[in-house]
Amino acid sequence: MNNKIIIINGPNINLLGEREQSQYGDITFKELKENCIDKSKELNLDIEFVQSNVEGEVVNLIQNSRKNFDGMIINAAAFTHTSIAIRDALSVFKKPIIELHLSNIYKREEFRHKSLISDVVDGGIFGLGANGYILAIIAMQKILKK
């Protein structure tokens, strides 16, 4: 079974627990990472959990993942609405991708309603907070089993 996935987080996700708890909850980035690692181990998945505030670094992570990972979960955060470069990198990945957002982007400011990456991913989870990561990991495990 293919079981190596990467979870890529975009800008400001490293500040979870400190920022806008009404939108993102009170979980810290460290706690989120630990929860994802625990769930992945339970499902026999090998994960890498990364975060960057730099658009070019996210593009590089996506590009480098083509050879090393069987699937990807991405919370591109604010880059979701602005980065054609990230969209283009995702379109070359050619393996399962799940788009993820802690908050419901469709219940927020109008500029957040447009995702530039939704049309190049296999599915999306949004508005479920940190639980969305666990659901994405479970979904990816099922996709990779097939």
N, C-alpha and C. Protein backbone atom coordinates (compact mmCIF):
# COMPACT_ATOMS: atom_id res chain seq x y z
N MET A 1 0.84 -1.19 0.00
CA MET A 1 0.00 0.00 0.00
C MET A 1 0.88 1.25 0.00
N ASN A 2 0.51 2.21 -0.81
CA ASN A 2 1.18 3.51 -0.78
C ASN A 2 0.75 4.22 0.50
N ASN A 3 1.72 4.69 1.27
CA ASN A 3 1.32 5.26 2.55
C ASN A 3 2.12 6.47 3.00
N LYS A 4 2.77 7.14 2.09
CA LYS A 4 3.56 8.30 2.47
C LYS A 4 2.87 9.57 1.99
N ILE A 5 2.48 10.42 2.94
CA ILE A 5 1.78 11.66 2.59
C ILE A 5 2.48 12.86 3.22
N ILE A 6 2.25 14.00 2.60
CA ILE A 6 2.75 15.26 3.14
C ILE A 6 1.55 16.16 3.44
N ILE A 7 1.63 16.83 4.56
CA ILE A 7 0.63 17.84 4.93
C ILE A 7 1.35 19.18 4.89
N ILE A 8 0.94 20.03 3.96
CA ILE A 8 1.56 21.34 3.77
C ILE A 8 0.63 22.42 4.30
N ASN A 9 1.18 23.28 5.13
CA ASN A 9 0.43 24.39 5.71
C ASN A 9 1.04 25.71 5.26
N GLY A 10 0.18 26.63 4.89
CA GLY A 10 0.62 27.93 4.41
C GLY A 10 0.77 28.96 5.51
N PRO A 11 0.73 30.23 5.14
CA PRO A 11 1.07 31.32 6.04
C PRO A 11 0.18 31.43 7.27
N ASN A 12 0.83 31.73 8.36
CA ASN A 12 0.21 32.03 9.65
C ASN A 12 -0.36 30.82 10.39
N ILE A 13 -0.30 29.65 9.79
CA ILE A 13 -0.79 28.46 10.49
C ILE A 13 0.11 28.18 11.69
N ASN A 14 1.36 28.59 11.63
CA ASN A 14 2.27 28.44 12.77
C ASN A 14 1.81 29.23 13.98
N LEU A 15 0.88 30.17 13.80
CA LEU A 15 0.40 31.00 14.91
C LEU A 15 -0.92 30.50 15.51
N LEU A 16 -1.31 29.28 15.16
CA LEU A 16 -2.55 28.73 15.74
C LEU A 16 -2.47 28.78 17.26
N GLY A 17 -3.60 29.05 17.87
CA GLY A 17 -3.66 29.17 19.32
C GLY A 17 -3.46 30.60 19.78
N GLU A 18 -2.82 31.41 18.93
CA GLU A 18 -2.56 32.81 19.26
C GLU A 18 -3.46 33.76 18.49
N ARG A 19 -3.95 33.33 17.34
CA ARG A 19 -4.68 34.25 16.46
C ARG A 19 -6.11 33.81 16.25
N GLU A 20 -7.00 34.76 16.19
CA GLU A 20 -8.40 34.58 15.83
C GLU A 20 -8.98 33.22 16.23
N GLN A 21 -9.02 33.00 17.52
CA GLN A 21 -9.53 31.71 18.00
C GLN A 21 -10.98 31.48 17.61
N SER A 22 -11.72 32.54 17.36
CA SER A 22 -13.11 32.38 16.91
C SER A 22 -13.17 31.72 15.53
N GLN A 23 -12.14 31.91 14.73
CA GLN A 23 -12.07 31.31 13.40
C GLN A 23 -11.34 29.96 13.41
N TYR A 24 -10.27 29.88 14.20
CA TYR A 24 -9.35 28.76 14.08
C TYR A 24 -9.29 27.86 15.31
N GLY A 25 -9.99 28.22 16.37
CA GLY A 25 -9.95 27.42 17.59
C GLY A 25 -8.72 27.73 18.42
N ASP A 26 -8.57 27.00 19.52
CA ASP A 26 -7.48 27.29 20.45
C ASP A 26 -6.33 26.28 20.37
N ILE A 27 -6.40 25.35 19.45
CA ILE A 27 -5.32 24.38 19.29
C ILE A 27 -4.06 25.08 18.78
N THR A 28 -2.92 24.69 19.30
CA THR A 28 -1.66 25.26 18.82
C THR A 28 -1.16 24.46 17.61
N PHE A 29 -0.23 25.04 16.90
CA PHE A 29 0.36 24.35 15.75
C PHE A 29 1.03 23.06 16.20
N LYS A 30 1.75 23.12 17.31
CA LYS A 30 2.43 21.93 17.83
C LYS A 30 1.42 20.83 18.17
N GLU A 31 0.31 21.19 18.82
CA GLU A 31 -0.72 20.20 19.16
C GLU A 31 -1.35 19.62 17.91
N LEU A 32 -1.61 20.47 16.92
CA LEU A 32 -2.19 20.01 15.66
C LEU A 32 -1.26 19.01 14.99
N LYS A 33 0.01 19.34 14.93
CA LYS A 33 1.00 18.45 14.32
C LYS A 33 1.04 17.11 15.05
N GLU A 34 1.07 17.15 16.38
CA GLU A 34 1.11 15.91 17.17
C GLU A 34 -0.14 15.07 16.93
N ASN A 35 -1.31 15.70 16.88
CA ASN A 35 -2.56 14.98 16.61
C ASN A 35 -2.52 14.29 15.25
N CYS A 36 -2.00 14.99 14.25
CA CYS A 36 -1.91 14.42 12.91
C CYS A 36 -0.93 13.26 12.86
N ILE A 37 0.18 13.40 13.54
CA ILE A 37 1.17 12.31 13.58
C ILE A 37 0.57 11.09 14.27
N ASP A 38 -0.12 11.30 15.38
CA ASP A 38 -0.75 10.19 16.10
C ASP A 38 -1.77 9.47 15.23
N LYS A 39 -2.64 10.22 14.55
CA LYS A 39 -3.68 9.61 13.70
C LYS A 39 -3.02 8.87 12.54
N SER A 40 -1.99 9.44 11.97
CA SER A 40 -1.30 8.79 10.86
C SER A 40 -0.68 7.47 11.27
N LYS A 41 -0.05 7.44 12.43
CA LYS A 41 0.54 6.20 12.94
C LYS A 41 -0.55 5.14 13.13
N GLU A 42 -1.67 5.57 13.68
CA GLU A 42 -2.81 4.66 13.90
C GLU A 42 -3.27 4.04 12.58
N LEU A 43 -3.20 4.80 11.49
CA LEU A 43 -3.66 4.34 10.18
C LEU A 43 -2.52 3.79 9.31
N ASN A 44 -1.34 3.63 9.90
CA ASN A 44 -0.18 3.10 9.18
C ASN A 44 0.22 3.99 8.00
N LEU A 45 0.15 5.30 8.23
CA LEU A 45 0.61 6.27 7.24
C LEU A 45 1.88 6.93 7.75
N ASP A 46 2.76 7.19 6.85
CA ASP A 46 3.99 7.92 7.15
C ASP A 46 3.77 9.35 6.68
N ILE A 47 3.79 10.32 7.59
CA ILE A 47 3.52 11.70 7.17
C ILE A 47 4.70 12.61 7.45
N GLU A 48 4.74 13.66 6.65
CA GLU A 48 5.59 14.80 6.92
C GLU A 48 4.64 15.98 7.07
N PHE A 49 4.81 16.76 8.12
CA PHE A 49 3.93 17.88 8.45
C PHE A 49 4.77 19.14 8.41
N VAL A 50 4.51 20.02 7.44
CA VAL A 50 5.35 21.20 7.24
C VAL A 50 4.51 22.47 7.15
N GLN A 51 5.16 23.60 7.36
CA GLN A 51 4.51 24.90 7.29
C GLN A 51 5.50 25.92 6.77
N SER A 52 5.00 26.84 5.94
CA SER A 52 5.83 27.95 5.46
C SER A 52 4.99 29.19 5.26
N ASN A 53 5.58 30.33 5.57
CA ASN A 53 4.95 31.62 5.31
C ASN A 53 5.38 32.20 3.97
N VAL A 54 6.21 31.46 3.24
CA VAL A 54 6.81 31.96 2.00
C VAL A 54 6.24 31.19 0.82
N GLU A 55 5.64 31.91 -0.11
CA GLU A 55 4.97 31.30 -1.26
C GLU A 55 5.93 30.40 -2.05
N GLY A 56 7.12 30.88 -2.35
CA GLY A 56 8.07 30.10 -3.13
C GLY A 56 8.48 28.81 -2.42
N GLU A 57 8.58 28.85 -1.11
CA GLU A 57 8.90 27.63 -0.36
C GLU A 57 7.77 26.61 -0.48
N VAL A 58 6.52 27.07 -0.45
CA VAL A 58 5.38 26.17 -0.61
C VAL A 58 5.42 25.54 -2.01
N VAL A 59 5.72 26.34 -3.02
CA VAL A 59 5.85 25.81 -4.39
C VAL A 59 6.94 24.75 -4.43
N ASN A 60 8.09 25.03 -3.84
CA ASN A 60 9.18 24.05 -3.81
C ASN A 60 8.78 22.77 -3.09
N LEU A 61 8.07 22.90 -1.98
CA LEU A 61 7.61 21.71 -1.25
C LEU A 61 6.71 20.85 -2.13
N ILE A 62 5.80 21.50 -2.83
CA ILE A 62 4.88 20.77 -3.71
C ILE A 62 5.67 20.08 -4.83
N GLN A 63 6.54 20.82 -5.47
CA GLN A 63 7.32 20.24 -6.57
C GLN A 63 8.18 19.06 -6.10
N ASN A 64 8.84 19.21 -4.97
CA ASN A 64 9.70 18.15 -4.45
C ASN A 64 8.91 16.94 -3.96
N SER A 65 7.65 17.14 -3.66
CA SER A 65 6.80 16.05 -3.16
C SER A 65 6.42 15.05 -4.24
N ARG A 66 6.53 15.43 -5.49
CA ARG A 66 6.13 14.55 -6.59
C ARG A 66 6.85 13.21 -6.53
N LYS A 67 8.11 13.21 -6.15
CA LYS A 67 8.90 11.97 -6.15
C LYS A 67 8.88 11.25 -4.82
N ASN A 68 8.52 11.95 -3.75
CA ASN A 68 8.68 11.38 -2.41
C ASN A 68 7.39 11.02 -1.69
N PHE A 69 6.24 11.43 -2.22
CA PHE A 69 4.99 11.22 -1.49
C PHE A 69 3.91 10.66 -2.41
N ASP A 70 3.01 9.88 -1.80
CA ASP A 70 1.90 9.25 -2.52
C ASP A 70 0.64 10.10 -2.52
N GLY A 71 0.55 11.05 -1.61
CA GLY A 71 -0.61 11.92 -1.52
C GLY A 71 -0.27 13.17 -0.75
N MET A 72 -1.14 14.18 -0.87
CA MET A 72 -0.90 15.47 -0.24
C MET A 72 -2.18 16.03 0.35
N ILE A 73 -2.05 16.60 1.54
CA ILE A 73 -3.11 17.41 2.14
C ILE A 73 -2.52 18.81 2.24
N ILE A 74 -3.27 19.79 1.75
CA ILE A 74 -2.73 21.16 1.76
C ILE A 74 -3.74 22.14 2.33
N ASN A 75 -3.27 22.89 3.33
CA ASN A 75 -3.97 24.06 3.81
C ASN A 75 -3.13 25.24 3.34
N ALA A 76 -3.45 25.73 2.17
CA ALA A 76 -2.66 26.82 1.59
C ALA A 76 -2.95 28.15 2.27
N ALA A 77 -3.91 28.16 3.19
CA ALA A 77 -4.26 29.36 3.95
C ALA A 77 -4.52 30.53 2.99
N ALA A 78 -3.98 31.70 3.27
CA ALA A 78 -4.25 32.88 2.43
C ALA A 78 -3.78 32.70 0.99
N PHE A 79 -2.78 31.85 0.77
CA PHE A 79 -2.31 31.61 -0.61
C PHE A 79 -3.39 30.94 -1.46
N THR A 80 -4.38 30.33 -0.83
CA THR A 80 -5.50 29.71 -1.55
C THR A 80 -6.15 30.70 -2.50
N HIS A 81 -6.22 31.94 -2.07
CA HIS A 81 -6.98 32.97 -2.79
C HIS A 81 -6.11 33.84 -3.68
N THR A 82 -4.79 33.62 -3.64
CA THR A 82 -3.90 34.55 -4.34
C THR A 82 -2.84 33.90 -5.22
N SER A 83 -2.54 32.62 -5.02
CA SER A 83 -1.34 32.07 -5.64
C SER A 83 -1.61 31.17 -6.84
N ILE A 84 -1.39 31.71 -8.01
CA ILE A 84 -1.44 30.91 -9.23
C ILE A 84 -0.24 29.97 -9.27
N ALA A 85 0.89 30.40 -8.70
CA ALA A 85 2.09 29.56 -8.68
C ALA A 85 1.84 28.27 -7.90
N ILE A 86 1.17 28.36 -6.77
CA ILE A 86 0.85 27.16 -5.98
C ILE A 86 -0.14 26.30 -6.74
N ARG A 87 -1.13 26.91 -7.35
CA ARG A 87 -2.10 26.16 -8.16
C ARG A 87 -1.39 25.38 -9.27
N ASP A 88 -0.49 26.05 -9.97
CA ASP A 88 0.22 25.40 -11.07
C ASP A 88 1.09 24.25 -10.57
N ALA A 89 1.75 24.43 -9.43
CA ALA A 89 2.57 23.35 -8.86
C ALA A 89 1.69 22.16 -8.48
N LEU A 90 0.53 22.43 -7.89
CA LEU A 90 -0.39 21.35 -7.51
C LEU A 90 -0.87 20.58 -8.74
N SER A 91 -1.08 21.28 -9.84
CA SER A 91 -1.60 20.63 -11.04
C SER A 91 -0.59 19.63 -11.63
N VAL A 92 0.68 19.75 -11.27
CA VAL A 92 1.71 18.85 -11.77
C VAL A 92 1.93 17.67 -10.81
N PHE A 93 1.37 17.71 -9.62
CA PHE A 93 1.59 16.66 -8.62
C PHE A 93 1.07 15.30 -9.10
N LYS A 94 -0.09 15.26 -9.73
CA LYS A 94 -0.64 14.06 -10.39
C LYS A 94 -0.91 12.88 -9.44
N LYS A 95 -1.05 13.17 -8.17
CA LYS A 95 -1.42 12.16 -7.17
C LYS A 95 -2.53 12.77 -6.32
N PRO A 96 -3.17 12.00 -5.46
CA PRO A 96 -4.29 12.55 -4.68
C PRO A 96 -3.91 13.76 -3.83
N ILE A 97 -4.77 14.78 -3.89
CA ILE A 97 -4.60 16.00 -3.10
C ILE A 97 -5.93 16.35 -2.46
N ILE A 98 -5.88 16.67 -1.17
CA ILE A 98 -7.05 17.17 -0.46
C ILE A 98 -6.76 18.60 -0.01
N GLU A 99 -7.66 19.51 -0.35
CA GLU A 99 -7.57 20.90 0.10
C GLU A 99 -8.26 20.99 1.46
N LEU A 100 -7.66 21.73 2.37
CA LEU A 100 -8.15 21.80 3.74
C LEU A 100 -8.12 23.24 4.25
N HIS A 101 -9.17 23.60 4.97
CA HIS A 101 -9.22 24.90 5.65
C HIS A 101 -9.85 24.72 7.01
N LEU A 102 -9.24 25.31 8.02
CA LEU A 102 -9.78 25.24 9.38
C LEU A 102 -11.13 25.96 9.47
N SER A 103 -11.21 27.12 8.84
CA SER A 103 -12.45 27.91 8.89
C SER A 103 -13.27 27.65 7.62
N ASN A 104 -14.51 28.06 7.67
CA ASN A 104 -15.38 27.96 6.50
C ASN A 104 -15.14 29.21 5.65
N ILE A 105 -14.35 29.05 4.60
CA ILE A 105 -13.97 30.21 3.78
C ILE A 105 -15.18 30.87 3.12
N TYR A 106 -16.28 30.15 3.02
CA TYR A 106 -17.48 30.69 2.37
C TYR A 106 -18.35 31.49 3.34
N LYS A 107 -18.01 31.49 4.62
CA LYS A 107 -18.72 32.28 5.61
C LYS A 107 -17.88 33.47 6.07
N ARG A 108 -16.82 33.74 5.35
CA ARG A 108 -15.90 34.80 5.73
C ARG A 108 -15.94 35.93 4.70
N GLU A 109 -14.92 36.74 4.68
CA GLU A 109 -14.87 37.87 3.77
C GLU A 109 -14.99 37.38 2.33
N GLU A 110 -15.60 38.21 1.50
CA GLU A 110 -15.85 37.83 0.10
C GLU A 110 -14.59 37.39 -0.63
N PHE A 111 -13.45 38.05 -0.38
CA PHE A 111 -12.23 37.69 -1.10
C PHE A 111 -11.77 36.27 -0.78
N ARG A 112 -12.25 35.70 0.32
CA ARG A 112 -11.87 34.32 0.68
C ARG A 112 -12.77 33.28 0.02
N HIS A 113 -13.82 33.70 -0.63
CA HIS A 113 -14.77 32.75 -1.24
C HIS A 113 -14.21 32.07 -2.47
N LYS A 114 -13.20 32.63 -3.08
CA LYS A 114 -12.62 32.06 -4.30
C LYS A 114 -11.33 31.30 -3.96
N SER A 115 -11.35 30.00 -4.25
CA SER A 115 -10.15 29.18 -4.10
C SER A 115 -9.55 28.97 -5.48
N LEU A 116 -8.30 29.34 -5.62
CA LEU A 116 -7.61 29.14 -6.89
C LEU A 116 -7.11 27.71 -7.05
N ILE A 117 -7.21 26.90 -5.99
CA ILE A 117 -6.68 25.54 -6.07
C ILE A 117 -7.76 24.46 -6.12
N SER A 118 -9.00 24.80 -5.86
CA SER A 118 -10.06 23.78 -5.79
C SER A 118 -10.21 22.95 -7.05
N ASP A 119 -9.95 23.54 -8.20
CA ASP A 119 -10.16 22.79 -9.44
C ASP A 119 -9.01 21.85 -9.79
N VAL A 120 -7.93 21.85 -9.00
CA VAL A 120 -6.82 20.93 -9.26
C VAL A 120 -6.60 19.93 -8.14
N VAL A 121 -7.53 19.89 -7.17
CA VAL A 121 -7.44 18.92 -6.07
C VAL A 121 -8.57 17.90 -6.21
N ASP A 122 -8.45 16.81 -5.48
CA ASP A 122 -9.47 15.75 -5.56
C ASP A 122 -10.68 16.02 -4.68
N GLY A 123 -10.51 16.78 -3.61
CA GLY A 123 -11.61 17.07 -2.71
C GLY A 123 -11.19 18.11 -1.70
N GLY A 124 -12.16 18.55 -0.91
CA GLY A 124 -11.86 19.58 0.07
C GLY A 124 -12.64 19.43 1.35
N ILE A 125 -12.04 19.92 2.43
CA ILE A 125 -12.67 19.94 3.74
C ILE A 125 -12.47 21.35 4.28
N PHE A 126 -13.54 21.97 4.75
CA PHE A 126 -13.39 23.31 5.31
C PHE A 126 -14.41 23.53 6.41
N GLY A 127 -14.04 24.38 7.37
CA GLY A 127 -14.96 24.78 8.41
C GLY A 127 -15.09 23.83 9.58
N LEU A 128 -14.27 22.82 9.65
CA LEU A 128 -14.38 21.83 10.73
C LEU A 128 -13.24 21.93 11.74
N GLY A 129 -12.50 23.02 11.67
CA GLY A 129 -11.41 23.23 12.61
C GLY A 129 -10.34 22.16 12.50
N ALA A 130 -9.70 21.88 13.62
CA ALA A 130 -8.62 20.89 13.66
C ALA A 130 -9.12 19.50 13.29
N ASN A 131 -10.39 19.23 13.53
CA ASN A 131 -10.95 17.93 13.15
C ASN A 131 -10.85 17.69 11.65
N GLY A 132 -10.83 18.75 10.87
CA GLY A 132 -10.70 18.62 9.43
C GLY A 132 -9.41 17.92 9.03
N TYR A 133 -8.35 18.16 9.77
CA TYR A 133 -7.08 17.49 9.48
C TYR A 133 -7.21 15.99 9.68
N ILE A 134 -7.86 15.59 10.77
CA ILE A 134 -8.04 14.16 11.06
C ILE A 134 -8.90 13.52 9.97
N LEU A 135 -9.97 14.22 9.58
CA LEU A 135 -10.83 13.69 8.52
C LEU A 135 -10.07 13.59 7.20
N ALA A 136 -9.23 14.56 6.92
CA ALA A 136 -8.44 14.52 5.67
C ALA A 136 -7.46 13.35 5.68
N ILE A 137 -6.86 13.09 6.82
CA ILE A 137 -5.93 11.96 6.94
C ILE A 137 -6.67 10.65 6.72
N ILE A 138 -7.83 10.51 7.32
CA ILE A 138 -8.64 9.30 7.14
C ILE A 138 -9.03 9.14 5.67
N ALA A 139 -9.48 10.24 5.07
CA ALA A 139 -9.89 10.18 3.66
C ALA A 139 -8.71 9.82 2.77
N MET A 140 -7.55 10.40 3.04
CA MET A 140 -6.39 10.10 2.21
C MET A 140 -5.99 8.64 2.34
N GLN A 141 -6.05 8.11 3.54
CA GLN A 141 -5.73 6.70 3.74
C GLN A 141 -6.65 5.81 2.92
N LYS A 142 -7.93 6.14 2.88
CA LYS A 142 -8.89 5.37 2.09
C LYS A 142 -8.63 5.51 0.59
N ILE A 143 -8.29 6.72 0.15
CA ILE A 143 -7.98 6.94 -1.27
C ILE A 143 -6.75 6.13 -1.66
N LEU A 144 -5.73 6.12 -0.85
CA LEU A 144 -4.49 5.43 -1.17
C LEU A 144 -4.65 3.91 -1.13
N LYS A 145 -5.61 3.43 -0.36
CA LYS A 145 -5.85 1.97 -0.28
C LYS A 145 -6.39 1.43 -1.60
N LYS A 146 -7.11 2.27 -2.34
CA LYS A 146 -7.78 1.82 -3.57
C LYS A 146 -6.83 1.58 -4.69
